[in-house]
Structure formats: structure tokens, C-alpha cells
Amino acid sequence: MNWSVAYRRGVASDGDPDWRETRQRAVRAHAAAAQRRREAEQAEAASLVGAFVEEARRRGLATSRLVARSHDGRARYRTGLYGWYIDRAHSRAVDVDGRFHLLTVPRSLRARFLGADPQPDPPPLIIGEGARDGESLPLRTMLQRRLDALESEL
């Protein structure tokens, strides 16, 4: 059997008619493994955030009312959240309930008057991973820096 006929029929060159099914199983297995890895990373990151909240409370680290910013950075919106900013840009925070938040929201007239309601995000193990600027930092390091920082530094 020549290659063009085998390709059109979905049959491998060795005559195996189950080639497509084998490939589909491999793709599904790969996707399932990637999902398990993401879930394990999110669970580990969530435990880091939980440990941060416990340690922040133990040290008496003051909470503040969290403010969200528009995606373009021009507008600031009140939120009903209290917690700790974990970066200098005040774009990432952990609330008092141990939830991780990205504090960027779409511009909104409604949010201008009533405040924004940023939803919690699954915390990443590596902050900034895959970003174009190439700057990334492990979540553990960012949280530890926040615990070690003086209030005035953030």
C-alpha cells in the first residue's frame, strides 16, 4: 500500500487500521496527565497561600482594603475584600479567607460607583510564568518576601 492511500484511509504504513484510535487515546491520556499536573500544582499553591495567611496573622501583619485596577491601569475601584497585597504593583493579593486574587478588572461605570468584585483565581506556583517580559518568580518566594517586608515597602 502506498503512503497516499494509507493516509487517506487513516491506516498506518504497516497496515494497522487502529492507528487513529491509538493516536486519539494517546492525546486523551496526555490531556488527562496535564490536567492532573495542573490540579496538583494548584493544590500545592493553595497550601502555600493558606500557610501565608496563617503566618501573616501570627505575625500580626495588618490587612488593608484591597483596591482593583482597570486592565489599562487608569481607573481604581473599591472592592469588598480585605487582605494583603503580595506584590509592589498591588495587582496580586491574598484575602483574609486565603483566596488568591488578580486585582485587574475591565473598566466599568458600574464599578466606578458600586465597586468591583474581583473573583478569586487559582494561585499559580510560578508568578509570571509564560509572560513576554520573561520575569517570573516562584509564589513561595513572593509570599515570603511579603512576610519579611515592612509595611512601608509595599
C-alpha atoms as a PDB file:
ATOM      1  CA  MET A   1       0.000   0.000   0.000  1.00  0.00           C
ATOM      2  CA  ASN A   2       1.442   3.376  -0.920  1.00  0.00           C
ATOM      3  CA  TRP A   3       1.579   6.287   1.554  1.00  0.00           C
ATOM      4  CA  SER A   4      -1.100   8.458  -0.039  1.00  0.00           C
ATOM      5  CA  VAL A   5      -3.675   5.680   0.070  1.00  0.00           C
ATOM      6  CA  ALA A   6      -2.728   4.800   3.659  1.00  0.00           C
ATOM      7  CA  TYR A   7      -3.052   8.439   4.683  1.00  0.00           C
ATOM      8  CA  ARG A   8      -6.474   8.859   3.098  1.00  0.00           C
ATOM      9  CA  ARG A   9      -7.780   5.686   4.708  1.00  0.00           C
ATOM     10  CA  GLY A  10      -6.362   6.576   8.111  1.00  0.00           C
ATOM     11  CA  VAL A  11      -4.242   3.448   8.074  1.00  0.00           C
ATOM     12  CA  ALA A  12      -0.596   3.436   9.155  1.00  0.00           C
ATOM     13  CA  SER A  13       2.044   2.263   6.722  1.00  0.00           C
ATOM     14  CA  ASP A  14       2.224  -1.132   8.440  1.00  0.00           C
ATOM     15  CA  GLY A  15      -1.462  -1.695   7.673  1.00  0.00           C
ATOM     16  CA  ASP A  16      -2.713  -1.049  11.257  1.00  0.00           C
ATOM     17  CA  PRO A  17      -6.347   0.135  10.891  1.00  0.00           C
ATOM     18  CA  ASP A  18      -6.446   1.254  14.551  1.00  0.00           C
ATOM     19  CA  TRP A  19      -3.844   3.985  14.111  1.00  0.00           C
ATOM     20  CA  ARG A  20      -6.352   6.827  14.563  1.00  0.00           C
ATOM     21  CA  GLU A  21      -7.846   5.254  17.662  1.00  0.00           C
ATOM     22  CA  THR A  22      -4.384   4.705  19.140  1.00  0.00           C
ATOM     23  CA  ARG A  23      -3.483   8.317  18.457  1.00  0.00           C
ATOM     24  CA  GLN A  24      -6.760   9.571  19.995  1.00  0.00           C
ATOM     25  CA  ARG A  25      -6.111   7.517  23.147  1.00  0.00           C
ATOM     26  CA  ALA A  26      -2.610   8.978  23.394  1.00  0.00           C
ATOM     27  CA  VAL A  27      -3.955  12.519  23.027  1.00  0.00           C
ATOM     28  CA  ARG A  28      -6.606  11.908  25.706  1.00  0.00           C
ATOM     29  CA  ALA A  29      -4.013  10.377  28.053  1.00  0.00           C
ATOM     30  CA  HIS A  30      -1.694  13.341  27.513  1.00  0.00           C
ATOM     31  CA  ALA A  31      -4.531  15.814  28.229  1.00  0.00           C
ATOM     32  CA  ALA A  32      -5.537  13.909  31.371  1.00  0.00           C
ATOM     33  CA  ALA A  33      -1.938  13.892  32.632  1.00  0.00           C
ATOM     34  CA  ALA A  34      -1.651  17.646  32.012  1.00  0.00           C
ATOM     35  CA  GLN A  35      -4.913  18.234  33.901  1.00  0.00           C
ATOM     36  CA  ARG A  36      -3.691  16.148  36.862  1.00  0.00           C
ATOM     37  CA  ARG A  37      -0.434  18.122  36.888  1.00  0.00           C
ATOM     38  CA  ARG A  38      -2.327  21.455  36.880  1.00  0.00           C
ATOM     39  CA  GLU A  39      -4.566  20.289  39.714  1.00  0.00           C
ATOM     40  CA  ALA A  40      -1.568  19.128  41.780  1.00  0.00           C
ATOM     41  CA  GLU A  41       0.201  22.464  41.206  1.00  0.00           C
ATOM     42  CA  GLN A  42      -2.928  24.395  42.170  1.00  0.00           C
ATOM     43  CA  ALA A  43      -3.312  22.324  45.339  1.00  0.00           C
ATOM     44  CA  GLU A  44       0.318  22.972  46.277  1.00  0.00           C
ATOM     45  CA  ALA A  45      -0.057  26.700  45.580  1.00  0.00           C
ATOM     46  CA  ALA A  46      -3.287  26.832  47.600  1.00  0.00           C
ATOM     47  CA  SER A  47      -1.485  25.273  50.566  1.00  0.00           C
ATOM     48  CA  LEU A  48       1.275  27.910  50.242  1.00  0.00           C
ATOM     49  CA  VAL A  49      -1.361  30.662  50.283  1.00  0.00           C
ATOM     50  CA  GLY A  50      -3.063  29.092  53.313  1.00  0.00           C
ATOM     51  CA  ALA A  51       0.260  28.907  55.164  1.00  0.00           C
ATOM     52  CA  PHE A  52       0.898  32.566  54.239  1.00  0.00           C
ATOM     53  CA  VAL A  53      -2.425  33.646  55.786  1.00  0.00           C
ATOM     54  CA  GLU A  54      -1.684  31.726  58.992  1.00  0.00           C
ATOM     55  CA  GLU A  55       1.801  33.223  59.260  1.00  0.00           C
ATOM     56  CA  ALA A  56       0.593  36.751  58.427  1.00  0.00           C
ATOM     57  CA  ARG A  57      -1.984  36.515  61.203  1.00  0.00           C
ATOM     58  CA  ARG A  58       0.573  35.076  63.623  1.00  0.00           C
ATOM     59  CA  ARG A  59       2.936  37.978  62.909  1.00  0.00           C
ATOM     60  CA  GLY A  60       0.121  40.488  63.203  1.00  0.00           C
ATOM     61  CA  LEU A  61       0.586  41.733  59.645  1.00  0.00           C
ATOM     62  CA  ALA A  62      -2.086  44.385  59.112  1.00  0.00           C
ATOM     63  CA  THR A  63      -4.678  43.831  56.424  1.00  0.00           C
ATOM     64  CA  SER A  64      -5.957  46.558  54.158  1.00  0.00           C
ATOM     65  CA  ARG A  65      -8.976  47.050  51.973  1.00  0.00           C
ATOM     66  CA  LEU A  66      -7.964  45.790  48.549  1.00  0.00           C
ATOM     67  CA  VAL A  67      -8.373  48.005  45.509  1.00  0.00           C
ATOM     68  CA  ALA A  68      -8.741  46.696  41.977  1.00  0.00           C
ATOM     69  CA  ARG A  69      -7.402  48.489  38.911  1.00  0.00           C
ATOM     70  CA  SER A  70      -8.656  48.527  35.367  1.00  0.00           C
ATOM     71  CA  HIS A  71      -6.711  46.488  32.834  1.00  0.00           C
ATOM     72  CA  ASP A  72      -5.212  49.672  31.415  1.00  0.00           C
ATOM     73  CA  GLY A  73      -4.227  50.839  34.927  1.00  0.00           C
ATOM     74  CA  ARG A  74      -6.029  54.171  34.688  1.00  0.00           C
ATOM     75  CA  ALA A  75      -9.004  53.527  36.986  1.00  0.00           C
ATOM     76  CA  ARG A  76      -9.094  52.278  40.575  1.00  0.00           C
ATOM     77  CA  TYR A  77     -12.131  50.540  42.039  1.00  0.00           C
ATOM     78  CA  ARG A  78     -13.072  49.781  45.629  1.00  0.00           C
ATOM     79  CA  THR A  79     -13.673  46.144  46.499  1.00  0.00           C
ATOM     80  CA  GLY A  80     -15.258  44.452  49.473  1.00  0.00           C
ATOM     81  CA  LEU A  81     -12.069  42.475  50.014  1.00  0.00           C
ATOM     82  CA  TYR A  82      -9.579  42.766  52.847  1.00  0.00           C
ATOM     83  CA  GLY A  83      -6.197  41.137  52.766  1.00  0.00           C
ATOM     84  CA  TRP A  84      -2.564  41.587  51.831  1.00  0.00           C
ATOM     85  CA  TYR A  85      -1.021  42.768  48.589  1.00  0.00           C
ATOM     86  CA  ILE A  86       1.801  40.412  47.685  1.00  0.00           C
ATOM     87  CA  ASP A  87       3.498  42.489  45.004  1.00  0.00           C
ATOM     88  CA  ARG A  88       4.660  46.088  44.755  1.00  0.00           C
ATOM     89  CA  ALA A  89       2.302  46.830  41.869  1.00  0.00           C
ATOM     90  CA  HIS A  90      -0.692  45.876  44.068  1.00  0.00           C
ATOM     91  CA  SER A  91      -2.013  43.706  41.247  1.00  0.00           C
ATOM     92  CA  ARG A  92      -1.937  40.424  43.206  1.00  0.00           C
ATOM     93  CA  ALA A  93      -3.313  39.844  46.665  1.00  0.00           C
ATOM     94  CA  VAL A  94      -4.404  37.233  49.159  1.00  0.00           C
ATOM     95  CA  ASP A  95      -7.623  37.936  51.039  1.00  0.00           C
ATOM     96  CA  VAL A  96      -8.237  37.118  54.701  1.00  0.00           C
ATOM     97  CA  ASP A  97     -10.014  33.899  53.672  1.00  0.00           C
ATOM     98  CA  GLY A  98      -6.884  32.617  51.929  1.00  0.00           C
ATOM     99  CA  ARG A  99      -8.004  33.203  48.357  1.00  0.00           C
ATOM    100  CA  PHE A 100      -5.628  34.477  45.685  1.00  0.00           C
ATOM    101  CA  HIS A 101      -6.793  37.444  43.592  1.00  0.00           C
ATOM    102  CA  LEU A 102      -5.560  39.154  40.448  1.00  0.00           C
ATOM    103  CA  LEU A 103      -6.786  42.676  41.060  1.00  0.00           C
ATOM    104  CA  THR A 104      -7.313  43.753  37.472  1.00  0.00           C
ATOM    105  CA  VAL A 105     -10.819  44.175  36.117  1.00  0.00           C
ATOM    106  CA  PRO A 106     -12.417  45.622  32.981  1.00  0.00           C
ATOM    107  CA  ARG A 107     -13.242  49.339  33.065  1.00  0.00           C
ATOM    108  CA  SER A 108     -16.802  49.850  34.153  1.00  0.00           C
ATOM    109  CA  LEU A 109     -19.035  52.766  35.046  1.00  0.00           C
ATOM    110  CA  ARG A 110     -20.939  50.482  37.398  1.00  0.00           C
ATOM    111  CA  ALA A 111     -17.717  49.530  39.197  1.00  0.00           C
ATOM    112  CA  ARG A 112     -16.816  53.227  39.450  1.00  0.00           C
ATOM    113  CA  PHE A 113     -19.913  53.835  41.601  1.00  0.00           C
ATOM    114  CA  LEU A 114     -20.587  50.468  43.250  1.00  0.00           C
ATOM    115  CA  GLY A 115     -17.104  48.978  43.402  1.00  0.00           C
ATOM    116  CA  ALA A 116     -15.581  45.983  41.677  1.00  0.00           C
ATOM    117  CA  ASP A 117     -15.963  42.351  42.647  1.00  0.00           C
ATOM    118  CA  PRO A 118     -12.815  40.528  41.515  1.00  0.00           C
ATOM    119  CA  GLN A 119     -13.270  36.787  41.751  1.00  0.00           C
ATOM    120  CA  PRO A 120     -10.585  34.554  43.250  1.00  0.00           C
ATOM    121  CA  ASP A 121      -8.190  32.871  40.859  1.00  0.00           C
ATOM    122  CA  PRO A 122      -6.325  29.606  41.298  1.00  0.00           C
ATOM    123  CA  PRO A 123      -2.887  30.617  42.544  1.00  0.00           C
ATOM    124  CA  PRO A 124      -0.020  29.753  40.204  1.00  0.00           C
ATOM    125  CA  LEU A 125       3.140  28.153  41.555  1.00  0.00           C
ATOM    126  CA  ILE A 126       5.186  30.479  39.351  1.00  0.00           C
ATOM    127  CA  ILE A 127       4.033  34.103  39.147  1.00  0.00           C
ATOM    128  CA  GLY A 128       4.504  35.495  35.642  1.00  0.00           C
ATOM    129  CA  GLU A 129       5.262  32.139  34.025  1.00  0.00           C
ATOM    130  CA  GLY A 130       4.911  32.417  30.266  1.00  0.00           C
ATOM    131  CA  ALA A 131       4.813  36.213  30.286  1.00  0.00           C
ATOM    132  CA  ARG A 132       6.525  38.009  27.447  1.00  0.00           C
ATOM    133  CA  ASP A 133       8.837  40.014  29.686  1.00  0.00           C
ATOM    134  CA  GLY A 134      10.499  36.830  30.899  1.00  0.00           C
ATOM    135  CA  GLU A 135      10.220  37.791  34.553  1.00  0.00           C
ATOM    136  CA  SER A 136       8.856  35.036  36.715  1.00  0.00           C
ATOM    137  CA  LEU A 137       9.032  34.365  40.425  1.00  0.00           C
ATOM    138  CA  PRO A 138       8.012  31.357  42.490  1.00  0.00           C
ATOM    139  CA  LEU A 139       4.891  32.012  44.554  1.00  0.00           C
ATOM    140  CA  ARG A 140       6.710  30.778  47.664  1.00  0.00           C
ATOM    141  CA  THR A 141       9.371  33.484  47.204  1.00  0.00           C
ATOM    142  CA  MET A 142       6.806  36.234  46.607  1.00  0.00           C
ATOM    143  CA  LEU A 143       4.839  35.285  49.722  1.00  0.00           C
ATOM    144  CA  GLN A 144       7.988  35.067  51.831  1.00  0.00           C
ATOM    145  CA  ARG A 145       9.129  38.487  50.619  1.00  0.00           C
ATOM    146  CA  ARG A 146       5.768  39.910  51.654  1.00  0.00           C
ATOM    147  CA  LEU A 147       6.046  38.372  55.105  1.00  0.00           C
ATOM    148  CA  ASP A 148       9.555  39.743  55.503  1.00  0.00           C
ATOM    149  CA  ALA A 149       8.777  43.226  54.143  1.00  0.00           C
ATOM    150  CA  LEU A 150       7.972  46.212  56.263  1.00  0.00           C
ATOM    151  CA  GLU A 151       4.532  47.742  55.750  1.00  0.00           C
ATOM    152  CA  SER A 152       6.052  50.822  54.117  1.00  0.00           C
ATOM    153  CA  GLU A 153       7.790  48.792  51.419  1.00  0.00           C
ATOM    154  CA  LEU A 154       4.540  47.715  49.832  1.00  0.00           C
END
